[in-house]
Each structure stands twice: as C-alpha cells, then as structure tokens.
C-alpha cells in the first residue's frame, strides 16, 4: 500500500485498455541478456564489441578503437 494510486490504475478505463497489451517475451529475454553481459569483465566486453564492429566495419567511418572504448 505504498502507492495506492498505482495499484488502482488497472481499475480505471484507461488502465483496463493498457492491461490488454500483448505480452512480448523477447523484451524479457533481451533484458536478461543485457544484464548478463553487464557482469562480464571489461576485456571480454571489449572483445565482443570489437568482433561485432569488425563485421559491420563498412558502415563505420570512425576509428574502431575509439568506438570500442566508448561502447564498453
């Protein structure tokens, strides 16, 4: 009962329409994956980012090392 307004939103007309939104399991899977990646050591994250960017290098005009440092 910390926030009773939030608990009762589902009883309002707009809350009922929002409760009918579809369930997207890929959102939960992607957030789990990103959360898992956050626990990896920094050198491993840099290696994964560098590997991905080297495959996509045609579309990158910046220095690859700088992009890896910013992304990690």
N, C-alpha and C. Protein backbone atom coordinates (compact mmCIF):
# COMPACT_ATOMS: atom_id res chain seq x y z
N UNK A 1 0.82 -1.20 0.00
CA UNK A 1 0.00 0.00 0.00
C UNK A 1 0.86 1.27 0.00
N UNK A 2 2.04 1.17 -0.55
CA UNK A 2 2.90 2.33 -0.60
C UNK A 2 2.37 3.37 -1.59
N UNK A 3 1.94 2.91 -2.74
CA UNK A 3 1.39 3.80 -3.75
C UNK A 3 0.02 3.26 -4.18
N UNK A 4 -1.04 3.61 -3.46
CA UNK A 4 -2.35 3.04 -3.78
C UNK A 4 -2.87 3.48 -5.16
N UNK A 5 -2.46 4.64 -5.62
CA UNK A 5 -2.92 5.10 -6.94
C UNK A 5 -2.41 4.16 -8.02
N UNK A 6 -1.14 3.78 -7.93
CA UNK A 6 -0.57 2.89 -8.92
C UNK A 6 -1.24 1.52 -8.86
N UNK A 7 -1.56 1.07 -7.65
CA UNK A 7 -2.22 -0.22 -7.52
C UNK A 7 -3.64 -0.21 -8.10
N UNK A 8 -4.29 0.94 -8.12
CA UNK A 8 -5.67 1.01 -8.58
C UNK A 8 -5.81 1.49 -10.03
N UNK A 9 -4.72 1.74 -10.70
CA UNK A 9 -4.77 2.21 -12.08
C UNK A 9 -5.46 1.18 -12.98
N UNK A 10 -5.26 -0.09 -12.71
CA UNK A 10 -5.84 -1.12 -13.57
C UNK A 10 -7.36 -1.13 -13.52
N UNK A 11 -7.97 -0.48 -12.53
CA UNK A 11 -9.43 -0.43 -12.42
C UNK A 11 -10.04 0.73 -13.21
N UNK A 12 -9.21 1.65 -13.72
CA UNK A 12 -9.73 2.77 -14.49
C UNK A 12 -9.94 2.35 -15.95
N UNK A 13 -10.74 3.10 -16.72
CA UNK A 13 -10.96 2.73 -18.13
C UNK A 13 -9.66 2.66 -18.95
N UNK A 14 -8.78 3.64 -18.76
CA UNK A 14 -7.51 3.62 -19.49
C UNK A 14 -6.61 2.48 -19.00
N UNK A 15 -6.67 2.19 -17.73
CA UNK A 15 -5.88 1.09 -17.19
C UNK A 15 -6.32 -0.24 -17.73
N UNK A 16 -7.62 -0.41 -17.94
CA UNK A 16 -8.13 -1.66 -18.50
C UNK A 16 -7.68 -1.85 -19.95
N UNK A 17 -7.63 -0.76 -20.71
CA UNK A 17 -7.18 -0.89 -22.10
C UNK A 17 -5.69 -1.17 -22.17
N UNK A 18 -4.92 -0.62 -21.26
CA UNK A 18 -3.48 -0.88 -21.25
C UNK A 18 -3.17 -2.29 -20.76
N UNK A 19 -4.03 -2.83 -19.93
CA UNK A 19 -3.80 -4.19 -19.43
C UNK A 19 -3.96 -5.22 -20.53
N UNK A 20 -4.58 -4.86 -21.64
CA UNK A 20 -4.80 -5.78 -22.74
C UNK A 20 -3.66 -5.77 -23.75
N UNK A 21 -2.58 -5.07 -23.44
CA UNK A 21 -1.45 -5.04 -24.35
C UNK A 21 -0.86 -6.43 -24.48
N UNK A 22 -0.32 -6.76 -25.64
CA UNK A 22 0.23 -8.10 -25.84
C UNK A 22 1.48 -8.33 -25.00
N UNK A 23 1.72 -9.57 -24.72
CA UNK A 23 2.89 -9.99 -23.96
C UNK A 23 4.04 -10.24 -24.92
N UNK A 24 5.16 -9.59 -24.70
CA UNK A 24 6.32 -9.73 -25.57
C UNK A 24 7.47 -10.39 -24.80
N UNK A 25 7.64 -11.70 -24.94
CA UNK A 25 8.70 -12.36 -24.17
C UNK A 25 10.10 -11.95 -24.60
N UNK A 26 10.26 -11.44 -25.83
CA UNK A 26 11.60 -11.06 -26.26
C UNK A 26 12.13 -9.87 -25.46
N UNK A 27 11.25 -9.06 -24.89
CA UNK A 27 11.71 -7.95 -24.05
C UNK A 27 12.41 -8.49 -22.81
N UNK A 28 11.82 -9.52 -22.20
CA UNK A 28 12.41 -10.11 -21.00
C UNK A 28 13.69 -10.87 -21.33
N UNK A 29 13.71 -11.53 -22.46
CA UNK A 29 14.92 -12.25 -22.86
C UNK A 29 16.06 -11.29 -23.16
N UNK A 30 15.76 -10.20 -23.85
CA UNK A 30 16.83 -9.25 -24.17
C UNK A 30 17.33 -8.53 -22.92
N UNK A 31 16.45 -8.22 -21.98
CA UNK A 31 16.91 -7.57 -20.75
C UNK A 31 17.75 -8.53 -19.92
N UNK A 32 17.40 -9.83 -19.93
CA UNK A 32 18.22 -10.83 -19.24
C UNK A 32 19.60 -10.91 -19.88
N UNK A 33 19.65 -10.90 -21.22
CA UNK A 33 20.92 -10.99 -21.93
C UNK A 33 21.80 -9.78 -21.64
N UNK A 34 21.22 -8.60 -21.66
CA UNK A 34 21.99 -7.38 -21.38
C UNK A 34 22.46 -7.37 -19.93
N UNK A 35 21.60 -7.82 -19.02
CA UNK A 35 22.01 -7.92 -17.62
C UNK A 35 23.15 -8.90 -17.44
N UNK A 36 23.09 -10.01 -18.16
CA UNK A 36 24.17 -10.99 -18.09
C UNK A 36 25.48 -10.39 -18.62
N UNK A 37 25.40 -9.64 -19.71
CA UNK A 37 26.61 -9.04 -20.29
C UNK A 37 27.24 -8.00 -19.36
N UNK A 38 26.43 -7.38 -18.52
CA UNK A 38 26.98 -6.36 -17.62
C UNK A 38 27.90 -6.96 -16.57
N UNK A 39 27.79 -8.27 -16.31
CA UNK A 39 28.66 -8.91 -15.32
C UNK A 39 29.96 -9.43 -15.91
N UNK A 40 30.10 -9.38 -17.23
CA UNK A 40 31.33 -9.83 -17.86
C UNK A 40 32.45 -8.84 -17.58
N UNK A 41 33.69 -9.32 -17.51
CA UNK A 41 34.82 -8.41 -17.33
C UNK A 41 34.97 -7.48 -18.54
N UNK A 42 35.53 -6.33 -18.30
CA UNK A 42 35.68 -5.32 -19.35
C UNK A 42 36.46 -5.81 -20.56
N UNK A 43 37.55 -6.57 -20.42
CA UNK A 43 38.25 -7.06 -21.62
C UNK A 43 37.37 -7.97 -22.48
N UNK A 44 36.51 -8.75 -21.87
CA UNK A 44 35.62 -9.63 -22.63
C UNK A 44 34.58 -8.80 -23.37
N UNK A 45 34.05 -7.78 -22.72
CA UNK A 45 33.08 -6.90 -23.39
C UNK A 45 33.72 -6.19 -24.57
N UNK A 46 34.95 -5.72 -24.37
CA UNK A 46 35.66 -5.05 -25.47
C UNK A 46 35.88 -6.00 -26.64
N UNK A 47 36.22 -7.25 -26.33
CA UNK A 47 36.44 -8.23 -27.39
C UNK A 47 35.15 -8.51 -28.16
N UNK A 48 34.04 -8.64 -27.47
CA UNK A 48 32.76 -8.88 -28.13
C UNK A 48 32.35 -7.69 -29.00
N UNK A 49 32.53 -6.49 -28.48
CA UNK A 49 32.18 -5.29 -29.25
C UNK A 49 33.07 -5.16 -30.47
N UNK A 50 34.37 -5.39 -30.29
CA UNK A 50 35.30 -5.28 -31.41
C UNK A 50 34.97 -6.31 -32.48
N UNK A 51 34.65 -7.52 -32.06
CA UNK A 51 34.30 -8.57 -33.03
C UNK A 51 33.05 -8.18 -33.82
N UNK A 52 32.06 -7.66 -33.13
CA UNK A 52 30.84 -7.25 -33.81
C UNK A 52 31.08 -6.08 -34.76
N UNK A 53 31.86 -5.11 -34.31
CA UNK A 53 32.10 -3.93 -35.15
C UNK A 53 32.97 -4.24 -36.35
N UNK A 54 33.88 -5.19 -36.22
CA UNK A 54 34.70 -5.55 -37.37
C UNK A 54 33.86 -6.16 -38.48
N UNK A 55 32.82 -6.88 -38.10
CA UNK A 55 31.91 -7.44 -39.11
C UNK A 55 31.10 -6.34 -39.78
N UNK A 56 30.81 -5.27 -39.06
CA UNK A 56 29.98 -4.18 -39.57
C UNK A 56 30.82 -2.95 -39.95
N UNK A 57 32.09 -3.14 -40.16
CA UNK A 57 33.01 -2.01 -40.33
C UNK A 57 32.70 -1.18 -41.57
N UNK A 58 32.04 -1.73 -42.54
CA UNK A 58 31.75 -0.98 -43.76
C UNK A 58 30.93 0.28 -43.47
N UNK A 59 30.09 0.23 -42.44
CA UNK A 59 29.22 1.35 -42.14
C UNK A 59 29.79 2.30 -41.09
N UNK A 60 30.99 2.01 -40.60
CA UNK A 60 31.59 2.85 -39.55
C UNK A 60 32.73 3.65 -40.16
N UNK A 61 32.65 4.96 -40.01
CA UNK A 61 33.70 5.83 -40.54
C UNK A 61 34.70 6.25 -39.46
N UNK A 62 34.40 5.96 -38.19
CA UNK A 62 35.27 6.39 -37.10
C UNK A 62 36.34 5.34 -36.83
N UNK A 63 37.32 5.71 -36.01
CA UNK A 63 38.37 4.79 -35.62
C UNK A 63 37.76 3.69 -34.76
N UNK A 64 38.02 2.45 -35.09
CA UNK A 64 37.41 1.30 -34.42
C UNK A 64 37.78 1.26 -32.94
N UNK A 65 39.01 1.60 -32.60
CA UNK A 65 39.46 1.57 -31.21
C UNK A 65 38.66 2.56 -30.36
N UNK A 66 38.42 3.75 -30.87
CA UNK A 66 37.65 4.75 -30.13
C UNK A 66 36.22 4.30 -29.91
N UNK A 67 35.62 3.70 -30.90
CA UNK A 67 34.24 3.23 -30.78
C UNK A 67 34.14 2.12 -29.74
N UNK A 68 35.11 1.21 -29.72
CA UNK A 68 35.12 0.13 -28.73
C UNK A 68 35.24 0.69 -27.33
N UNK A 69 36.10 1.67 -27.15
CA UNK A 69 36.28 2.27 -25.82
C UNK A 69 35.02 2.96 -25.35
N UNK A 70 34.32 3.63 -26.24
CA UNK A 70 33.09 4.32 -25.86
C UNK A 70 31.98 3.33 -25.54
N UNK A 71 31.88 2.27 -26.33
CA UNK A 71 30.80 1.30 -26.14
C UNK A 71 31.01 0.44 -24.91
N UNK A 72 32.23 0.16 -24.54
CA UNK A 72 32.50 -0.70 -23.38
C UNK A 72 32.42 0.11 -22.15
